[in-house]
Amino acid sequence: MTDTSAWFALAGALGGIVLTGGFTLINVILNHRWSERASERSNREQEAREAAARLRGVFYDYLVATNAYYHAIDQMHELCRSRSDDFDTWVRKEYQALQEEYQYLTISAGSEVRQLARQYDVVLYGLRDAATDFDEDRWSELRMETHKSRERVRVAMRTELGIYN
C-alpha cells in the first residue's frame, strides 16, 4: 500500500508540474501575442500621428504662402497709383512660394481640400488681375470672395485632420 501511495504522490507531483508548466507556457504564448498586437497597434497609432502632423505642416505652409501672396497683392493694390513697376516682379517671390506649397498640397491632401485650394488660388489670381487692371469694383468683389474661399479651405483642412468644433 505504501508503494501505491508513493506512486500516487509521484504521479500527483509530476502531474502538477506538467499542468503548471502547461499553464505557464500558454500564459507566455498569449502574453507574447497580446504584447505583439499592442506594439503593432501602438506603431500604427504613432505612424498615424506622424502622418497627421506632416499633413498639418503642409496645410500650414500653404495657408502661410497664400496669406503672404494676398498681402503682397494688397500692398501692390494700395501702392498701384504711385508705382509703375512690373507687378509680376512685385509679387514674384510670394507667387513662387504659393506655387510650391500648392504643388506639395496636391500630393498630400484629399480631393476636397485640393479642389477648394485650387478655387482659392484662382480667386487670388483674379484679385491680382483686378489690382493690376485698377478695377476697384472687381477688387472689392474678389477681396470678399478671397476671405470666403480661404475659410472654406480652412474648414476642409480641419475636417481632413479630424478637428471639429
N, C-alpha and C. Protein backbone atom coordinates (compact mmCIF):
# COMPACT_ATOMS: atom_id res chain seq x y z
N MET A 1 0.81 -1.17 0.00
CA MET A 1 0.00 0.00 0.00
C MET A 1 0.87 1.26 0.00
N THR A 2 1.95 1.20 0.68
CA THR A 2 2.83 2.33 0.71
C THR A 2 3.46 2.57 -0.65
N ASP A 3 3.70 1.47 -1.39
CA ASP A 3 4.22 1.64 -2.74
C ASP A 3 3.20 2.35 -3.62
N THR A 4 1.96 1.99 -3.47
CA THR A 4 0.91 2.60 -4.27
C THR A 4 0.77 4.08 -3.90
N SER A 5 0.82 4.39 -2.61
CA SER A 5 0.72 5.77 -2.17
C SER A 5 1.88 6.60 -2.71
N ALA A 6 3.05 6.01 -2.73
CA ALA A 6 4.21 6.72 -3.24
C ALA A 6 4.06 7.01 -4.73
N TRP A 7 3.53 6.01 -5.44
CA TRP A 7 3.31 6.21 -6.88
C TRP A 7 2.26 7.30 -7.13
N PHE A 8 1.20 7.29 -6.32
CA PHE A 8 0.18 8.33 -6.46
C PHE A 8 0.76 9.71 -6.13
N ALA A 9 1.58 9.79 -5.13
CA ALA A 9 2.21 11.05 -4.76
C ALA A 9 3.14 11.53 -5.87
N LEU A 10 3.93 10.59 -6.41
CA LEU A 10 4.82 10.94 -7.50
C LEU A 10 4.04 11.36 -8.73
N ALA A 11 2.99 10.62 -9.07
CA ALA A 11 2.16 10.96 -10.23
C ALA A 11 1.48 12.31 -10.01
N GLY A 12 1.01 12.56 -8.78
CA GLY A 12 0.37 13.84 -8.48
C GLY A 12 1.36 14.99 -8.60
N ALA A 13 2.57 14.78 -8.09
CA ALA A 13 3.58 15.84 -8.17
C ALA A 13 3.97 16.10 -9.62
N LEU A 14 4.21 15.00 -10.36
CA LEU A 14 4.57 15.17 -11.78
C LEU A 14 3.42 15.78 -12.58
N GLY A 15 2.20 15.37 -12.28
CA GLY A 15 1.03 15.94 -12.95
C GLY A 15 0.89 17.42 -12.65
N GLY A 16 1.16 17.80 -11.41
CA GLY A 16 1.11 19.21 -11.03
C GLY A 16 2.17 20.03 -11.76
N ILE A 17 3.36 19.44 -11.88
CA ILE A 17 4.43 20.12 -12.60
C ILE A 17 4.06 20.29 -14.07
N VAL A 18 3.52 19.23 -14.67
CA VAL A 18 3.12 19.29 -16.09
C VAL A 18 2.00 20.32 -16.28
N LEU A 19 1.00 20.30 -15.40
CA LEU A 19 -0.10 21.27 -15.51
C LEU A 19 0.41 22.70 -15.32
N THR A 20 1.23 22.90 -14.32
CA THR A 20 1.77 24.24 -14.07
C THR A 20 2.62 24.70 -15.24
N GLY A 21 3.46 23.80 -15.75
CA GLY A 21 4.28 24.13 -16.92
C GLY A 21 3.42 24.44 -18.14
N GLY A 22 2.37 23.66 -18.34
CA GLY A 22 1.46 23.89 -19.47
C GLY A 22 0.75 25.23 -19.37
N PHE A 23 0.25 25.53 -18.16
CA PHE A 23 -0.42 26.82 -17.95
C PHE A 23 0.56 27.98 -18.13
N THR A 24 1.77 27.81 -17.64
CA THR A 24 2.80 28.84 -17.80
C THR A 24 3.13 29.06 -19.26
N LEU A 25 3.28 27.95 -20.00
CA LEU A 25 3.58 28.05 -21.44
C LEU A 25 2.45 28.75 -22.19
N ILE A 26 1.22 28.38 -21.90
CA ILE A 26 0.05 29.03 -22.54
C ILE A 26 0.02 30.51 -22.19
N ASN A 27 0.30 30.83 -20.92
CA ASN A 27 0.31 32.22 -20.47
C ASN A 27 1.39 33.02 -21.20
N VAL A 28 2.57 32.44 -21.35
CA VAL A 28 3.65 33.11 -22.06
C VAL A 28 3.28 33.34 -23.52
N ILE A 29 2.72 32.34 -24.17
CA ILE A 29 2.32 32.47 -25.58
C ILE A 29 1.27 33.56 -25.75
N LEU A 30 0.25 33.56 -24.90
CA LEU A 30 -0.81 34.56 -25.02
C LEU A 30 -0.29 35.96 -24.70
N ASN A 31 0.53 36.08 -23.68
CA ASN A 31 1.10 37.39 -23.36
C ASN A 31 1.97 37.91 -24.49
N HIS A 32 2.71 37.03 -25.12
CA HIS A 32 3.53 37.44 -26.25
C HIS A 32 2.66 37.95 -27.40
N ARG A 33 1.59 37.22 -27.70
CA ARG A 33 0.67 37.67 -28.77
C ARG A 33 0.04 39.01 -28.43
N TRP A 34 -0.43 39.14 -27.20
CA TRP A 34 -1.07 40.39 -26.79
C TRP A 34 -0.09 41.54 -26.83
N SER A 35 1.12 41.27 -26.37
CA SER A 35 2.16 42.30 -26.38
C SER A 35 2.50 42.69 -27.82
N GLU A 36 2.60 41.71 -28.69
CA GLU A 36 2.89 41.98 -30.10
C GLU A 36 1.78 42.81 -30.75
N ARG A 37 0.54 42.44 -30.47
CA ARG A 37 -0.60 43.20 -31.02
C ARG A 37 -0.62 44.62 -30.48
N ALA A 38 -0.35 44.77 -29.20
CA ALA A 38 -0.32 46.10 -28.59
C ALA A 38 0.80 46.94 -29.21
N SER A 39 1.93 46.31 -29.45
CA SER A 39 3.05 47.01 -30.07
C SER A 39 2.70 47.43 -31.50
N GLU A 40 2.08 46.54 -32.26
CA GLU A 40 1.67 46.87 -33.63
C GLU A 40 0.65 48.01 -33.62
N ARG A 41 -0.30 47.94 -32.72
CA ARG A 41 -1.32 49.00 -32.62
C ARG A 41 -0.65 50.32 -32.24
N SER A 42 0.27 50.28 -31.32
CA SER A 42 0.99 51.49 -30.91
C SER A 42 1.79 52.06 -32.09
N ASN A 43 2.44 51.19 -32.85
CA ASN A 43 3.19 51.65 -34.03
C ASN A 43 2.28 52.29 -35.06
N ARG A 44 1.12 51.68 -35.31
CA ARG A 44 0.16 52.25 -36.27
C ARG A 44 -0.35 53.60 -35.79
N GLU A 45 -0.64 53.70 -34.51
CA GLU A 45 -1.11 54.97 -33.96
C GLU A 45 -0.04 56.05 -34.07
N GLN A 46 1.22 55.67 -33.81
CA GLN A 46 2.33 56.62 -33.92
C GLN A 46 2.49 57.07 -35.37
N GLU A 47 2.41 56.13 -36.31
CA GLU A 47 2.50 56.48 -37.73
C GLU A 47 1.37 57.41 -38.15
N ALA A 48 0.16 57.15 -37.64
CA ALA A 48 -0.99 58.00 -37.96
C ALA A 48 -0.79 59.41 -37.41
N ARG A 49 -0.26 59.50 -36.19
CA ARG A 49 0.01 60.82 -35.59
C ARG A 49 1.08 61.57 -36.41
N GLU A 50 2.11 60.86 -36.83
CA GLU A 50 3.17 61.49 -37.63
C GLU A 50 2.64 61.94 -38.99
N ALA A 51 1.79 61.11 -39.61
CA ALA A 51 1.20 61.49 -40.90
C ALA A 51 0.31 62.71 -40.75
N ALA A 52 -0.47 62.76 -39.67
CA ALA A 52 -1.33 63.91 -39.43
C ALA A 52 -0.49 65.16 -39.17
N ALA A 53 0.61 65.00 -38.47
CA ALA A 53 1.49 66.16 -38.21
C ALA A 53 2.12 66.66 -39.51
N ARG A 54 2.53 65.74 -40.39
CA ARG A 54 3.07 66.15 -41.69
C ARG A 54 2.01 66.88 -42.51
N LEU A 55 0.80 66.33 -42.53
CA LEU A 55 -0.29 66.95 -43.28
C LEU A 55 -0.62 68.32 -42.70
N ARG A 56 -0.64 68.43 -41.38
CA ARG A 56 -0.89 69.72 -40.73
C ARG A 56 0.18 70.73 -41.16
N GLY A 57 1.43 70.27 -41.26
CA GLY A 57 2.51 71.14 -41.72
C GLY A 57 2.31 71.60 -43.15
N VAL A 58 1.86 70.69 -44.01
CA VAL A 58 1.59 71.04 -45.41
C VAL A 58 0.48 72.09 -45.47
N PHE A 59 -0.58 71.87 -44.71
CA PHE A 59 -1.69 72.82 -44.69
C PHE A 59 -1.23 74.17 -44.16
N TYR A 60 -0.47 74.17 -43.10
CA TYR A 60 0.03 75.41 -42.51
C TYR A 60 0.88 76.17 -43.53
N ASP A 61 1.83 75.49 -44.15
CA ASP A 61 2.71 76.14 -45.12
C ASP A 61 1.92 76.73 -46.29
N TYR A 62 0.89 76.01 -46.74
CA TYR A 62 0.06 76.51 -47.83
C TYR A 62 -0.68 77.78 -47.41
N LEU A 63 -1.27 77.74 -46.22
CA LEU A 63 -2.01 78.91 -45.75
C LEU A 63 -1.09 80.11 -45.52
N VAL A 64 0.11 79.87 -45.04
CA VAL A 64 1.07 80.96 -44.87
C VAL A 64 1.45 81.54 -46.24
N ALA A 65 1.66 80.68 -47.24
CA ALA A 65 2.03 81.15 -48.58
C ALA A 65 0.88 81.94 -49.21
N THR A 66 -0.35 81.45 -49.06
CA THR A 66 -1.48 82.20 -49.63
C THR A 66 -1.65 83.53 -48.92
N ASN A 67 -1.43 83.55 -47.62
CA ASN A 67 -1.54 84.79 -46.86
C ASN A 67 -0.48 85.80 -47.30
N ALA A 68 0.74 85.34 -47.49
CA ALA A 68 1.82 86.23 -47.95
C ALA A 68 1.50 86.77 -49.34
N TYR A 69 0.99 85.90 -50.23
CA TYR A 69 0.63 86.33 -51.57
C TYR A 69 -0.49 87.36 -51.52
N TYR A 70 -1.50 87.09 -50.70
CA TYR A 70 -2.61 88.02 -50.56
C TYR A 70 -2.12 89.39 -50.07
N HIS A 71 -1.27 89.38 -49.06
CA HIS A 71 -0.78 90.66 -48.52
C HIS A 71 0.12 91.39 -49.51
N ALA A 72 0.88 90.65 -50.31
CA ALA A 72 1.69 91.30 -51.35
C ALA A 72 0.79 91.95 -52.40
N ILE A 73 -0.28 91.26 -52.77
CA ILE A 73 -1.22 91.83 -53.74
C ILE A 73 -1.93 93.04 -53.14
N ASP A 74 -2.32 92.91 -51.88
CA ASP A 74 -3.00 94.02 -51.21
C ASP A 74 -2.08 95.24 -51.14
N GLN A 75 -0.83 95.03 -50.81
CA GLN A 75 0.12 96.14 -50.78
C GLN A 75 0.32 96.70 -52.18
N MET A 76 0.40 95.84 -53.16
CA MET A 76 0.53 96.27 -54.55
C MET A 76 -0.68 97.13 -54.94
N HIS A 77 -1.87 96.70 -54.51
CA HIS A 77 -3.10 97.45 -54.80
C HIS A 77 -3.06 98.82 -54.14
N GLU A 78 -2.63 98.86 -52.89
CA GLU A 78 -2.58 100.13 -52.17
C GLU A 78 -1.61 101.11 -52.81
N LEU A 79 -0.52 100.60 -53.38
CA LEU A 79 0.51 101.47 -53.95
C LEU A 79 0.41 101.61 -55.47
N CYS A 80 -0.63 101.05 -56.06
CA CYS A 80 -0.70 100.96 -57.52
C CYS A 80 -0.67 102.33 -58.21
N ARG A 81 -1.24 103.33 -57.61
CA ARG A 81 -1.29 104.62 -58.28
C ARG A 81 0.08 105.31 -58.33
N SER A 82 0.95 104.93 -57.37
CA SER A 82 2.25 105.60 -57.34
C SER A 82 3.39 104.72 -57.86
N ARG A 83 3.11 103.48 -58.19
CA ARG A 83 4.16 102.57 -58.66
C ARG A 83 3.94 102.26 -60.14
N SER A 84 5.01 102.25 -60.87
CA SER A 84 4.91 101.87 -62.28
C SER A 84 5.70 100.59 -62.54
N ASP A 85 6.14 99.92 -61.46
CA ASP A 85 6.93 98.69 -61.60
C ASP A 85 6.10 97.59 -62.27
N ASP A 86 6.81 96.60 -62.73
CA ASP A 86 6.17 95.40 -63.24
C ASP A 86 5.53 94.67 -62.05
N PHE A 87 4.23 94.48 -62.09
CA PHE A 87 3.54 93.89 -60.95
C PHE A 87 3.94 92.44 -60.71
N ASP A 88 4.27 91.71 -61.77
CA ASP A 88 4.71 90.32 -61.58
C ASP A 88 6.02 90.26 -60.81
N THR A 89 6.89 91.21 -61.04
CA THR A 89 8.14 91.28 -60.28
C THR A 89 7.85 91.61 -58.83
N TRP A 90 6.84 92.44 -58.61
CA TRP A 90 6.47 92.89 -57.27
C TRP A 90 6.09 91.71 -56.37
N VAL A 91 5.41 90.71 -56.92
CA VAL A 91 4.93 89.59 -56.10
C VAL A 91 5.57 88.25 -56.51
N ARG A 92 6.67 88.29 -57.23
CA ARG A 92 7.27 87.05 -57.75
C ARG A 92 7.62 86.06 -56.64
N LYS A 93 8.28 86.51 -55.60
CA LYS A 93 8.70 85.62 -54.51
C LYS A 93 7.48 84.95 -53.86
N GLU A 94 6.45 85.72 -53.59
CA GLU A 94 5.25 85.18 -52.96
C GLU A 94 4.53 84.22 -53.90
N TYR A 95 4.51 84.57 -55.19
CA TYR A 95 3.87 83.70 -56.18
C TYR A 95 4.59 82.35 -56.26
N GLN A 96 5.91 82.38 -56.30
CA GLN A 96 6.67 81.14 -56.37
C GLN A 96 6.46 80.29 -55.12
N ALA A 97 6.43 80.92 -53.95
CA ALA A 97 6.18 80.19 -52.71
C ALA A 97 4.79 79.57 -52.72
N LEU A 98 3.82 80.31 -53.22
CA LEU A 98 2.45 79.80 -53.30
C LEU A 98 2.39 78.60 -54.23
N GLN A 99 3.03 78.69 -55.38
CA GLN A 99 3.04 77.57 -56.33
C GLN A 99 3.69 76.33 -55.73
N GLU A 100 4.80 76.52 -55.04
CA GLU A 100 5.50 75.39 -54.43
C GLU A 100 4.63 74.72 -53.37
N GLU A 101 4.02 75.50 -52.51
CA GLU A 101 3.19 74.94 -51.45
C GLU A 101 1.92 74.31 -52.02
N TYR A 102 1.37 74.90 -53.07
CA TYR A 102 0.19 74.30 -53.70
C TYR A 102 0.54 72.94 -54.29
N GLN A 103 1.68 72.82 -54.93
CA GLN A 103 2.08 71.54 -55.51
C GLN A 103 2.26 70.49 -54.42
N TYR A 104 2.87 70.87 -53.31
CA TYR A 104 3.05 69.94 -52.21
C TYR A 104 1.70 69.54 -51.63
N LEU A 105 0.77 70.49 -51.57
CA LEU A 105 -0.57 70.20 -51.07
C LEU A 105 -1.29 69.20 -51.98
N THR A 106 -1.10 69.33 -53.29
CA THR A 106 -1.81 68.44 -54.22
C THR A 106 -1.38 66.99 -54.09
N ILE A 107 -0.18 66.73 -53.59
CA ILE A 107 0.24 65.34 -53.42
C ILE A 107 0.02 64.84 -51.99
N SER A 108 -0.46 65.71 -51.11
CA SER A 108 -0.61 65.34 -49.71
C SER A 108 -2.06 65.34 -49.24
N ALA A 109 -2.88 66.19 -49.79
CA ALA A 109 -4.24 66.40 -49.27
C ALA A 109 -5.27 65.55 -50.02
N GLY A 110 -6.44 65.45 -49.41
CA GLY A 110 -7.56 64.76 -50.02
C GLY A 110 -8.18 65.59 -51.14
N SER A 111 -9.09 64.98 -51.86
CA SER A 111 -9.65 65.62 -53.06
C SER A 111 -10.43 66.90 -52.74
N GLU A 112 -11.16 66.92 -51.65
CA GLU A 112 -11.94 68.13 -51.34
C GLU A 112 -11.03 69.32 -51.05
N VAL A 113 -9.98 69.09 -50.26
CA VAL A 113 -9.03 70.17 -49.95
C VAL A 113 -8.33 70.62 -51.22
N ARG A 114 -7.94 69.69 -52.07
CA ARG A 114 -7.27 70.06 -53.33
C ARG A 114 -8.18 70.91 -54.20
N GLN A 115 -9.43 70.50 -54.31
CA GLN A 115 -10.38 71.25 -55.15
C GLN A 115 -10.62 72.65 -54.60
N LEU A 116 -10.83 72.76 -53.29
CA LEU A 116 -11.06 74.08 -52.69
C LEU A 116 -9.81 74.95 -52.73
N ALA A 117 -8.64 74.35 -52.60
CA ALA A 117 -7.40 75.11 -52.70
C ALA A 117 -7.23 75.65 -54.12
N ARG A 118 -7.58 74.87 -55.10
CA ARG A 118 -7.49 75.34 -56.49
C ARG A 118 -8.43 76.52 -56.71
N GLN A 119 -9.65 76.42 -56.19
CA GLN A 119 -10.59 77.53 -56.31
C GLN A 119 -10.06 78.78 -55.61
N TYR A 120 -9.46 78.59 -54.47
CA TYR A 120 -8.88 79.71 -53.72
C TYR A 120 -7.75 80.36 -54.52
N ASP A 121 -6.89 79.53 -55.11
CA ASP A 121 -5.80 80.08 -55.94
C ASP A 121 -6.35 80.89 -57.11
N VAL A 122 -7.40 80.39 -57.74
CA VAL A 122 -8.00 81.10 -58.87
C VAL A 122 -8.53 82.47 -58.43
N VAL A 123 -9.15 82.51 -57.26
CA VAL A 123 -9.65 83.78 -56.74
C VAL A 123 -8.48 84.73 -56.46
N LEU A 124 -7.39 84.20 -55.87
CA LEU A 124 -6.22 85.04 -55.61
C LEU A 124 -5.62 85.59 -56.90
N TYR A 125 -5.57 84.77 -57.94
CA TYR A 125 -5.03 85.23 -59.22
C TYR A 125 -5.95 86.29 -59.84
N GLY A 126 -7.26 86.11 -59.67
CA GLY A 126 -8.20 87.12 -60.14
C GLY A 126 -8.04 88.43 -59.38
N LEU A 127 -7.77 88.33 -58.09
CA LEU A 127 -7.53 89.52 -57.28
C LEU A 127 -6.29 90.25 -57.76
N ARG A 128 -5.27 89.50 -58.10
CA ARG A 128 -4.04 90.11 -58.65
C ARG A 128 -4.35 90.84 -59.95
N ASP A 129 -5.14 90.20 -60.81
CA ASP A 129 -5.50 90.84 -62.08
C ASP A 129 -6.31 92.11 -61.84
N ALA A 130 -7.22 92.09 -60.88
CA ALA A 130 -8.01 93.29 -60.57
C ALA A 130 -7.10 94.42 -60.08
N ALA A 131 -6.08 94.07 -59.31
CA ALA A 131 -5.15 95.09 -58.82
C ALA A 131 -4.35 95.69 -59.97
N THR A 132 -3.87 94.84 -60.88
CA THR A 132 -3.06 95.36 -61.98
C THR A 132 -3.90 96.12 -62.99
N ASP A 133 -5.20 95.80 -63.09
CA ASP A 133 -6.09 96.50 -64.02
C ASP A 133 -6.72 97.75 -63.39
N PHE A 134 -6.44 98.00 -62.13
CA PHE A 134 -7.02 99.12 -61.39
C PHE A 134 -8.55 99.07 -61.41
N ASP A 135 -9.11 97.86 -61.32
CA ASP A 135 -10.56 97.65 -61.35
C ASP A 135 -11.07 97.56 -59.91
N GLU A 136 -11.52 98.68 -59.38
CA GLU A 136 -11.91 98.75 -57.96
C GLU A 136 -13.15 97.90 -57.65
N ASP A 137 -14.12 97.87 -58.56
CA ASP A 137 -15.32 97.07 -58.33
C ASP A 137 -14.97 95.58 -58.24
N ARG A 138 -14.20 95.15 -59.21
CA ARG A 138 -13.77 93.74 -59.23
C ARG A 138 -12.88 93.43 -58.02
N TRP A 139 -12.01 94.38 -57.65
CA TRP A 139 -11.15 94.21 -56.49
C TRP A 139 -11.99 93.98 -55.23
N SER A 140 -13.00 94.81 -55.02
CA SER A 140 -13.85 94.67 -53.83
C SER A 140 -14.58 93.34 -53.81
N GLU A 141 -15.11 92.96 -54.96
CA GLU A 141 -15.84 91.69 -55.07
C GLU A 141 -14.92 90.51 -54.79
N LEU A 142 -13.76 90.48 -55.43
CA LEU A 142 -12.83 89.36 -55.26
C LEU A 142 -12.18 89.34 -53.89
N ARG A 143 -12.02 90.50 -53.31
CA ARG A 143 -11.45 90.55 -51.96
C ARG A 143 -12.37 89.84 -50.97
N MET A 144 -13.66 90.08 -51.08
CA MET A 144 -14.62 89.39 -50.22
C MET A 144 -14.64 87.89 -50.52
N GLU A 145 -14.59 87.55 -51.80
CA GLU A 145 -14.57 86.13 -52.19
C GLU A 145 -13.30 85.44 -51.69
N THR A 146 -12.19 86.17 -51.64
CA THR A 146 -10.94 85.60 -51.13
C THR A 146 -11.11 85.14 -49.69
N HIS A 147 -11.73 85.97 -48.87
CA HIS A 147 -11.93 85.62 -47.46
C HIS A 147 -12.86 84.41 -47.33
N LYS A 148 -13.92 84.38 -48.12
CA LYS A 148 -14.84 83.24 -48.08
C LYS A 148 -14.15 81.96 -48.54
N SER A 149 -13.40 82.07 -49.62
CA SER A 149 -12.71 80.91 -50.17
C SER A 149 -11.67 80.38 -49.19
N ARG A 150 -10.95 81.28 -48.55
CA ARG A 150 -9.95 80.87 -47.56
C ARG A 150 -10.61 80.11 -46.41
N GLU A 151 -11.75 80.60 -45.97
CA GLU A 151 -12.46 79.93 -44.86
C GLU A 151 -12.92 78.54 -45.28
N ARG A 152 -13.41 78.40 -46.51
CA ARG A 152 -13.83 77.07 -46.99
C ARG A 152 -12.65 76.10 -47.00
N VAL A 153 -11.49 76.57 -47.44
CA VAL A 153 -10.30 75.72 -47.45
C VAL A 153 -9.91 75.34 -46.03
N ARG A 154 -9.91 76.30 -45.12
CA ARG A 154 -9.53 76.02 -43.73
C ARG A 154 -10.46 75.00 -43.10
N VAL A 155 -11.76 75.12 -43.34
CA VAL A 155 -12.73 74.17 -42.77
C VAL A 155 -12.47 72.77 -43.34
N ALA A 156 -12.24 72.68 -44.63
CA ALA A 156 -11.96 71.38 -45.24
C ALA A 156 -10.67 70.77 -44.70
N MET A 157 -9.67 71.61 -44.49
CA MET A 157 -8.40 71.13 -43.92
C MET A 157 -8.60 70.60 -42.51
N ARG A 158 -9.33 71.36 -41.71
CA ARG A 158 -9.59 70.92 -40.32
C ARG A 158 -10.39 69.63 -40.32
N THR A 159 -11.33 69.50 -41.22
CA THR A 159 -12.12 68.27 -41.30
C THR A 159 -11.22 67.10 -41.68
N GLU A 160 -10.35 67.30 -42.66
CA GLU A 160 -9.45 66.23 -43.07
C GLU A 160 -8.50 65.82 -41.94
N LEU A 161 -8.15 66.77 -41.08
CA LEU A 161 -7.29 66.47 -39.94
C LEU A 161 -8.07 65.88 -38.75
N GLY A 162 -9.41 65.87 -38.86
CA GLY A 162 -10.23 65.32 -37.79
C GLY A 162 -10.45 66.30 -36.65
N ILE A 163 -10.35 67.60 -36.97
CA ILE A 163 -10.56 68.64 -35.96
C ILE A 163 -11.94 69.25 -36.20
N TYR A 164 -12.82 69.03 -35.25
CA TYR A 164 -14.19 69.53 -35.39
C TYR A 164 -14.50 70.45 -34.23
N ASN A 165 -15.07 71.59 -34.54
CA ASN A 165 -15.55 72.49 -33.47
C ASN A 165 -16.48 73.52 -34.05
